[in-house]
Structure formats: structure tokens, C-alpha cells
Amino acid sequence: MPPEGPNRGGPDGEDEFSAVVFDATFVRAADLHEPSARERLHAGKRPHRQRRVLGVRLRTLRGVAGVLVVLLVIGGATFLGARRAGTAGSHPEVGPAVLQRVSLTPPVDYATGPLPADPMAGGPAAGWAQGAAGIVIGERRDSAHYSAGQVGQALDLVREFVVGSQLDPTVLGGGRPWAALPLLRREQRDQLGAALVAPRDDDVSAPTGWITRFDPAAIRVLDAAPRAAGTITAAEHAQRDLVVTADVVFVYAVAQFGGPGWTRFVVHRVWDFHTDAPMLHDGLLQVRRILTVAGPQTCTPDNATWFHPVFTGPTPADAPPGPEQIDPFHPTPPTTCTRMATTP
């Protein structure tokens, strides 16, 4: 019985192939071929047609696209890392530190006499603390944009620089300030390094504008510990500028190499340091200005390279007229050379 469903035949409902008869002659004439095993193997290896876009194979385009994606990811990560590093650790170029120096000649009739057992006895610094103990650190408190920890770090960095450049026995005897140099930004580290190699009597390249040192061929630093009295304070200025000011007086006992002369030598320095968050992150400082008042010494250009203490002062008759005398312990220097008003 025929299956139910729509009529699949001709207009009378008959099958359209019902009149076709496959007789024996038709069947014998049919070319029936069963493929061999070799033919079936080769048939599976026939190349298939490659799809192309604008003449380029689609598989190649996919590979190139994958490489481009990887490069974009790597490039983006590199850019973001460099941007982050620039924010945290890069610094704009800065100018050199300005070195203002004042030499103080000895007072009239100045003479120290024989070297005593305690060279500091009898002088204004006799009761001062020894070395770094005399440097008082200001308060470590928050500012508008800096935490108490950051302010404290800035104060500590400045103290480390001051001690390394003014109280290190190696530096006093003519050595390099190895402890202080790494604390400076690269530009100013180069400035100080160049001054030590090729000193000049100016406000940029004078080593004694940076550090305290005596010519080892002429001066011997005595064993008496240097005395110090001063402060280091910090304050935030405009544009997140953290300024640290150090104002310290140092007194050294030195003697003439191979001779009887000796003296207490005073160096009063005032530093203006600058730092900010990126520099604090790297543990660096920038020096804007250093004022140095030092004596007793002569007012000669070679004081730019070494301090040259003198051990006696002129008599009233020999003393040339000069500018107003100043107190080396509380100076307001009007010039680059003047006379000490008090005995050191």
C-alpha cells in the first residue's frame, strides 16, 4: 500500500519513473568500477583548494594577525611600564648648585701659642657636641603633600650628606666624599666630580664650596674631634617643592705640617636642598645653593681647591683697611673676603 503524503508523481498521480525499464542490456552496458586500495589512498591526498583574500592565503592572514596582536600587547605593556617608571623615578634636568664662598682673614694680633692638650679648650666651641651629635634634626611632621615618613626621609638624607661631606676624616684629609656623592642627582654628582678633577675659583667648580678638606701636603687635621652646632629643617613650598635647609657651624683643630703653628678653623655652611616624591623614591637630593664662610685663611684663589688655614694675624700697624668684620658663628656675609671679628 503506498505511503501517505503528497503526490510525488505526474499529473495523474503516477510515479514519473514508472515507465523506465532497466533491462538486462542496460545493466550489462553500465561501467561499474570498484576503486582499488591504492586509488583510495591517493584519493585521500588530493590537494584541496585554498581560500584567498586579495590574493593572500587565508591561513597566512590568520598567522600575520596573530603576530600583530602579540606585538600590540607587548608594546602596550612596555609603554605602560615606561610611563609608570617615568612617573616614579625620572627627574627633569636641573642646573648646577650655586656655591657662594666667603674667606675670613684672622683677627688683628691673632696668635694661638703652643699646642695645648685640648685644642678646643678656651674657644667658643669648647662646650659643643662632637661631630654629628651637634646637628639637630627638625620635626618629622606631615605637610600638604608629604607624609611624616617622607619628611623624615628628606631630613635623614640631608643629614647623611652633611656628615659625609663635612665630618668624614678621609674627606678632611683630601679624599673623595664617597658617602655623599651617591645622594646627589646625576647632574650635580657630575658637577662635584668635575670640580674635584679640575677645580676653579668660581661659583660652580670650587671643591671647598661643596666639602671641607685641607691640603694634606701642608695641613694636618688633629685628633681632637670636630665640633658642630646647627639644625636641619624641612618645609613644603609651592608646587609640592619640599625644601630642606641645613645651617651648621663646624670647628676643626688643624696644625701646620712640619711646623709649630696650629689653629681652630671655622666653617659655617648654609645649604638649600630640594627634593620631591620621585627623588625621595630614589633616595636623591638636589642642592640649590651652598653658602660657605670659612677662616682664618687668606683671601686667595687657591682656597677654591683646599682650605688654607693661617696661624697668626696681622698687627694693628700691618692690618690693611678692609670691609666690616663679621662673626663667623653668626655671619651675614656682604662679600667674598672679610676679617673675623672674633677668635675662633
Protein backbone atom coordinates (compact mmCIF):
# COMPACT_ATOMS: atom_id res chain seq x y z
CA MET A 1 0.00 0.00 0.00
CA PRO A 2 1.55 3.36 -1.00
CA PRO A 3 2.64 5.61 1.75
CA GLU A 4 0.54 8.57 2.66
CA GLY A 5 1.69 12.02 1.67
CA PRO A 6 1.66 14.44 -1.16
CA ASN A 7 1.51 13.20 -4.72
CA ARG A 8 5.13 12.77 -5.96
CA GLY A 9 4.20 11.57 -9.48
CA GLY A 10 2.90 13.21 -12.58
CA PRO A 11 -0.39 14.97 -13.06
CA ASP A 12 -2.26 11.69 -12.75
CA GLY A 13 -0.57 10.67 -9.58
CA GLU A 14 1.71 8.14 -11.23
CA ASP A 15 5.45 7.86 -10.43
CA GLU A 16 7.41 9.79 -13.10
CA PHE A 17 9.97 6.96 -13.35
CA SER A 18 7.36 4.16 -13.58
CA ALA A 19 7.76 3.92 -17.35
CA VAL A 20 11.56 3.47 -17.19
CA VAL A 21 12.62 -0.17 -17.61
CA PHE A 22 16.22 -1.23 -16.73
CA ASP A 23 16.54 -4.30 -18.94
CA ALA A 24 19.45 -6.75 -18.97
CA THR A 25 21.18 -4.99 -21.87
CA PHE A 26 21.28 -1.64 -19.95
CA VAL A 27 22.68 -3.26 -16.84
CA ARG A 28 25.43 -5.11 -18.77
CA ALA A 29 26.39 -1.88 -20.55
CA ALA A 30 26.83 0.08 -17.25
CA ASP A 31 30.53 0.78 -16.38
CA LEU A 32 30.72 -0.34 -12.78
CA HIS A 33 34.19 0.18 -11.20
CA GLU A 34 35.22 -0.59 -7.64
CA PRO A 35 38.33 1.56 -6.72
CA SER A 36 41.43 -0.30 -5.57
CA ALA A 37 43.18 0.28 -2.24
CA ARG A 38 45.95 2.37 -3.94
CA GLU A 39 43.30 4.53 -5.64
CA ARG A 40 41.50 5.10 -2.35
CA LEU A 41 44.82 6.07 -0.65
CA HIS A 42 45.70 8.60 -3.35
CA ALA A 43 42.19 9.97 -3.39
CA GLY A 44 42.60 10.99 0.31
CA LYS A 45 45.74 13.04 -0.53
CA ARG A 46 44.27 15.23 -3.21
CA PRO A 47 45.06 18.93 -2.52
CA HIS A 48 42.10 20.97 -1.51
CA ARG A 49 41.54 24.45 -2.79
CA GLN A 50 42.97 27.24 -0.62
CA ARG A 51 40.74 30.18 0.26
CA ARG A 52 42.34 33.51 -0.56
CA VAL A 53 41.65 37.16 0.35
CA LEU A 54 43.11 39.76 -2.00
CA GLY A 55 45.40 37.13 -3.36
CA VAL A 56 46.76 36.06 0.04
CA ARG A 57 46.01 32.68 1.57
CA LEU A 58 43.58 32.90 4.45
CA ARG A 59 45.85 30.79 6.68
CA THR A 60 48.72 33.29 6.12
CA LEU A 61 46.47 36.22 7.03
CA ARG A 62 45.48 34.50 10.25
CA GLY A 63 49.14 33.98 11.20
CA VAL A 64 50.03 37.62 10.50
CA ALA A 65 47.05 38.81 12.52
CA GLY A 66 48.16 36.67 15.47
CA VAL A 67 51.67 38.12 15.38
CA LEU A 68 50.29 41.68 15.25
CA VAL A 69 48.11 41.03 18.30
CA VAL A 70 51.11 39.74 20.27
CA LEU A 71 53.21 42.77 19.26
CA LEU A 72 50.44 45.16 20.28
CA VAL A 73 50.15 43.53 23.69
CA ILE A 74 53.91 43.65 24.27
CA GLY A 75 54.13 47.26 23.05
CA GLY A 76 51.27 48.35 25.28
CA ALA A 77 52.81 46.72 28.32
CA THR A 78 56.18 48.32 27.57
CA PHE A 79 54.59 51.76 27.17
CA LEU A 80 52.67 51.49 30.42
CA GLY A 81 55.75 50.26 32.27
CA ALA A 82 57.88 53.09 30.91
CA ARG A 83 55.20 55.61 31.78
CA ARG A 84 54.96 54.25 35.31
CA ALA A 85 58.75 54.29 35.67
CA GLY A 86 58.88 57.86 34.38
CA THR A 87 56.33 58.92 36.94
CA ALA A 88 58.10 57.26 39.84
CA GLY A 89 61.78 57.65 39.08
CA SER A 90 62.51 60.17 36.28
CA HIS A 91 63.52 63.72 37.02
CA PRO A 92 63.67 66.87 34.89
CA GLU A 93 67.05 68.38 34.11
CA VAL A 94 68.35 70.83 36.71
CA GLY A 95 71.02 73.50 36.80
CA PRO A 96 74.21 73.35 38.83
CA ALA A 97 74.35 74.11 42.53
CA VAL A 98 75.39 77.70 43.24
CA LEU A 99 78.44 77.88 45.52
CA GLN A 100 78.84 81.17 47.41
CA ARG A 101 82.12 81.35 49.33
CA VAL A 102 83.49 83.88 51.82
CA SER A 103 87.03 83.73 53.18
CA LEU A 104 87.76 85.21 56.61
CA THR A 105 91.21 86.54 57.41
CA PRO A 106 92.35 86.25 61.06
CA PRO A 107 91.68 88.97 63.59
CA VAL A 108 94.34 91.56 64.32
CA ASP A 109 97.08 90.22 66.63
CA TYR A 110 95.71 86.70 66.34
CA ALA A 111 98.09 84.05 67.75
CA THR A 112 97.37 80.65 69.24
CA GLY A 113 100.58 79.91 71.12
CA PRO A 114 101.79 76.37 71.87
CA LEU A 115 99.51 73.47 71.02
CA PRO A 116 97.52 72.53 74.16
CA ALA A 117 96.38 69.05 75.17
CA ASP A 118 92.83 70.00 74.22
CA PRO A 119 92.88 72.30 71.19
CA MET A 120 89.17 73.07 71.62
CA ALA A 121 89.56 74.38 75.18
CA GLY A 122 89.11 78.12 75.52
CA GLY A 123 87.27 78.59 72.24
CA PRO A 124 83.57 79.29 71.56
CA ALA A 125 83.03 75.64 70.54
CA ALA A 126 84.59 74.11 73.66
CA GLY A 127 81.20 73.01 75.03
CA TRP A 128 79.67 71.94 71.72
CA ALA A 129 78.78 68.35 70.87
CA GLN A 130 81.28 66.31 68.94
CA GLY A 131 80.69 65.59 65.27
CA ALA A 132 77.23 64.62 64.03
CA ALA A 133 75.80 64.74 67.56
CA GLY A 134 75.74 68.54 67.28
CA ILE A 135 73.35 68.52 64.29
CA VAL A 136 69.73 68.79 65.46
CA ILE A 137 67.02 67.39 63.18
CA GLY A 138 63.72 69.26 62.91
CA GLU A 139 60.23 67.84 63.36
CA ARG A 140 59.10 64.95 61.20
CA ARG A 141 55.51 66.01 60.57
CA ASP A 142 53.08 65.89 57.67
CA SER A 143 52.96 68.68 55.13
CA ALA A 144 50.30 69.35 52.49
CA HIS A 145 51.54 66.63 50.11
CA TYR A 146 54.16 64.71 52.10
CA SER A 147 53.76 62.26 54.94
CA ALA A 148 55.75 62.48 58.15
CA GLY A 149 57.74 59.49 56.90
CA GLN A 150 58.69 61.28 53.67
CA VAL A 151 59.66 64.45 55.52
CA GLY A 152 61.74 62.38 57.91
CA GLN A 153 63.42 60.63 54.98
CA ALA A 154 64.36 64.00 53.44
CA LEU A 155 65.83 65.19 56.75
CA ASP A 156 67.83 61.98 57.13
CA LEU A 157 69.19 62.21 53.58
CA VAL A 158 70.39 65.77 54.17
CA ARG A 159 71.99 64.84 57.48
CA GLU A 160 73.78 61.93 55.78
CA PHE A 161 75.07 64.28 53.08
CA VAL A 162 76.25 66.89 55.58
CA VAL A 163 78.07 64.34 57.71
CA GLY A 164 79.63 62.65 54.67
CA SER A 165 80.92 65.90 53.21
CA GLN A 166 81.98 67.78 56.40
CA LEU A 167 82.94 65.25 59.07
CA ASP A 168 84.39 62.22 57.26
CA PRO A 169 88.10 62.03 58.26
CA THR A 170 89.02 60.76 54.79
CA VAL A 171 87.40 63.79 53.17
CA LEU A 172 89.03 66.20 55.62
CA GLY A 173 92.39 64.74 54.64
CA GLY A 174 91.84 65.22 50.91
CA GLY A 175 89.89 62.09 49.91
CA ARG A 176 86.77 61.89 47.79
CA PRO A 177 83.37 62.20 49.50
CA TRP A 178 82.25 58.67 48.64
CA ALA A 179 79.41 58.66 51.18
CA ALA A 180 77.94 61.97 49.98
CA LEU A 181 78.24 61.61 46.21
CA PRO A 182 75.55 58.91 45.72
CA LEU A 183 72.96 61.13 47.42
CA LEU A 184 73.14 63.78 44.70
CA ARG A 185 71.24 63.74 41.43
CA ARG A 186 73.33 62.69 38.47
CA GLU A 187 73.85 66.22 37.12
CA GLN A 188 75.13 67.54 40.43
CA ARG A 189 77.11 64.39 41.16
CA ASP A 190 78.89 65.10 37.88
CA GLN A 191 79.32 68.75 38.90
CA LEU A 192 81.07 67.84 42.14
CA GLY A 193 83.11 65.12 40.46
CA ALA A 194 84.31 67.57 37.80
CA ALA A 195 85.19 70.15 40.47
CA LEU A 196 87.42 67.64 42.24
CA VAL A 197 89.22 66.83 38.98
CA ALA A 198 89.51 70.38 37.60
CA PRO A 199 88.84 72.93 40.37
CA ARG A 200 88.23 76.57 39.50
CA ASP A 201 87.76 79.68 41.59
CA ASP A 202 84.12 80.29 40.71
CA ASP A 203 80.61 79.56 41.99
CA VAL A 204 80.28 76.20 40.22
CA SER A 205 83.59 74.33 40.25
CA ALA A 206 85.18 75.07 43.64
CA PRO A 207 85.53 71.86 45.72
CA THR A 208 85.62 73.83 49.00
CA GLY A 209 82.21 75.19 48.09
CA TRP A 210 80.96 71.62 48.50
CA ILE A 211 83.16 69.84 51.02
CA THR A 212 85.58 70.60 53.84
CA ARG A 213 89.11 69.48 53.05
CA PHE A 214 92.64 70.58 53.81
CA ASP A 215 95.76 70.22 51.68
CA PRO A 216 97.46 67.09 53.11
CA ALA A 217 100.85 68.38 51.98
CA ALA A 218 100.58 71.45 54.24
CA ILE A 219 97.92 70.85 56.91
CA ARG A 220 97.41 68.10 59.47
CA VAL A 221 93.96 67.55 60.96
CA LEU A 222 94.43 66.99 64.70
CA ASP A 223 92.91 64.10 66.59
CA ALA A 224 90.53 66.37 68.52
CA ALA A 225 87.01 65.55 67.33
CA PRO A 226 85.44 68.33 65.24
CA ARG A 227 82.68 70.27 66.99
CA ALA A 228 79.35 71.05 65.35
CA ALA A 229 76.26 73.10 66.13
CA GLY A 230 73.31 73.55 63.82
CA THR A 231 69.91 72.47 62.61
CA ILE A 232 68.24 70.78 59.65
CA THR A 233 64.61 71.69 58.94
CA ALA A 234 62.09 70.96 56.20
CA ALA A 235 59.14 72.89 54.77
CA GLU A 236 56.92 72.37 51.73
CA HIS A 237 56.77 75.25 49.29
CA ALA A 238 54.66 75.79 46.18
CA GLN A 239 54.18 73.03 43.59
CA ARG A 240 54.99 70.22 46.02
CA ASP A 241 58.54 71.50 46.45
CA LEU A 242 59.99 70.06 49.66
CA VAL A 243 62.85 72.34 50.75
CA VAL A 244 65.32 71.22 53.40
CA THR A 245 67.61 73.84 54.95
CA ALA A 246 70.74 72.93 56.87
CA ASP A 247 72.56 75.63 58.86
CA VAL A 248 75.58 74.22 60.68
CA VAL A 249 78.84 75.62 62.10
CA PHE A 250 81.84 73.28 62.26
CA VAL A 251 85.07 73.86 64.16
CA TYR A 252 88.19 71.82 63.33
CA ALA A 253 91.58 71.70 65.05
CA VAL A 254 94.38 71.76 62.48
CA ALA A 255 98.13 72.20 62.60
CA GLN A 256 100.90 73.22 60.29
CA PHE A 257 102.52 70.17 58.69
CA GLY A 258 106.09 70.05 59.92
CA GLY A 259 105.79 73.30 61.88
CA PRO A 260 104.61 74.65 65.26
CA GLY A 261 101.57 76.53 64.06
CA TRP A 262 98.04 75.38 64.88
CA THR A 263 94.55 76.89 64.94
CA ARG A 264 90.88 76.21 65.28
CA PHE A 265 89.32 76.54 61.84
CA VAL A 266 85.67 77.54 61.46
CA VAL A 267 83.44 76.54 58.55
CA HIS A 268 79.89 77.86 58.61
CA ARG A 269 77.68 76.45 55.87
CA VAL A 270 74.07 77.01 54.91
CA TRP A 271 72.56 74.56 52.39
CA ASP A 272 69.31 74.87 50.46
CA PHE A 273 68.26 71.38 49.37
CA HIS A 274 65.27 70.46 47.23
CA THR A 275 63.53 67.13 46.85
CA ASP A 276 60.16 65.74 45.77
CA ALA A 277 58.33 62.42 45.69
CA PRO A 278 60.22 60.91 42.71
CA MET A 279 63.58 61.92 44.18
CA LEU A 280 62.64 60.57 47.59
CA HIS A 281 61.67 57.33 45.89
CA ASP A 282 65.24 57.11 44.55
CA GLY A 283 66.89 58.48 47.71
CA LEU A 284 68.27 61.58 45.97
CA LEU A 285 68.76 65.26 46.74
CA GLN A 286 69.19 68.41 44.69
CA VAL A 287 71.33 71.26 46.01
CA ARG A 288 70.25 74.74 45.00
CA ARG A 289 72.75 76.83 46.95
CA ILE A 290 75.55 76.43 49.47
CA LEU A 291 76.86 79.43 51.39
CA THR A 292 80.30 78.81 52.92
CA VAL A 293 82.05 81.15 55.35
CA ALA A 294 85.48 79.83 56.40
CA GLY A 295 88.55 81.03 58.28
CA PRO A 296 91.04 82.04 59.37
CA GLN A 297 92.65 81.89 55.94
CA THR A 298 94.00 84.22 53.31
CA CYS A 299 91.80 85.53 50.51
CA THR A 300 93.50 83.77 47.62
CA PRO A 301 92.11 81.88 44.63
CA ASP A 302 93.67 78.58 45.72
CA ASN A 303 91.15 78.45 48.58
CA ALA A 304 88.76 77.07 45.97
CA THR A 305 90.70 73.79 45.93
CA TRP A 306 91.75 73.44 49.58
CA PHE A 307 91.17 75.40 52.74
CA HIS A 308 94.46 77.07 53.74
CA PRO A 309 94.41 78.00 57.45
CA VAL A 310 96.75 80.67 58.73
CA PHE A 311 98.14 80.60 62.25
CA THR A 312 98.85 84.24 63.08
CA GLY A 313 97.11 87.51 62.42
CA PRO A 314 98.48 90.89 61.39
CA THR A 315 99.49 93.53 63.88
CA PRO A 316 97.36 96.69 64.02
CA ALA A 317 100.02 98.54 62.06
CA ASP A 318 100.19 95.86 59.36
CA ALA A 319 96.45 95.28 59.09
CA PRO A 320 95.21 96.73 55.80
CA PRO A 321 91.90 98.59 55.76
CA GLY A 322 89.11 96.28 54.82
CA PRO A 323 85.37 95.74 54.92
CA GLU A 324 83.38 95.42 58.09
CA GLN A 325 84.37 92.48 60.27
CA ILE A 326 81.89 89.63 60.73
CA ASP A 327 81.33 86.93 63.28
CA PRO A 328 81.94 83.52 61.67
CA PHE A 329 79.46 81.92 64.05
CA HIS A 330 76.61 84.26 63.02
CA PRO A 331 77.62 85.68 59.65
CA THR A 332 75.77 87.93 57.25
CA PRO A 333 78.45 87.96 54.54
CA PRO A 334 78.49 91.06 52.35
CA THR A 335 81.42 90.00 50.17
CA THR A 336 83.80 87.16 49.28
CA CYS A 337 86.57 88.24 51.68
CA THR A 338 86.49 89.96 55.06
CA ARG A 339 88.02 89.73 58.54
CA MET A 340 86.97 87.64 61.51
CA ALA A 341 85.52 89.71 64.31
CA THR A 342 86.16 87.05 66.99
CA THR A 343 88.78 84.45 67.78
CA PRO A 344 87.72 81.00 66.54
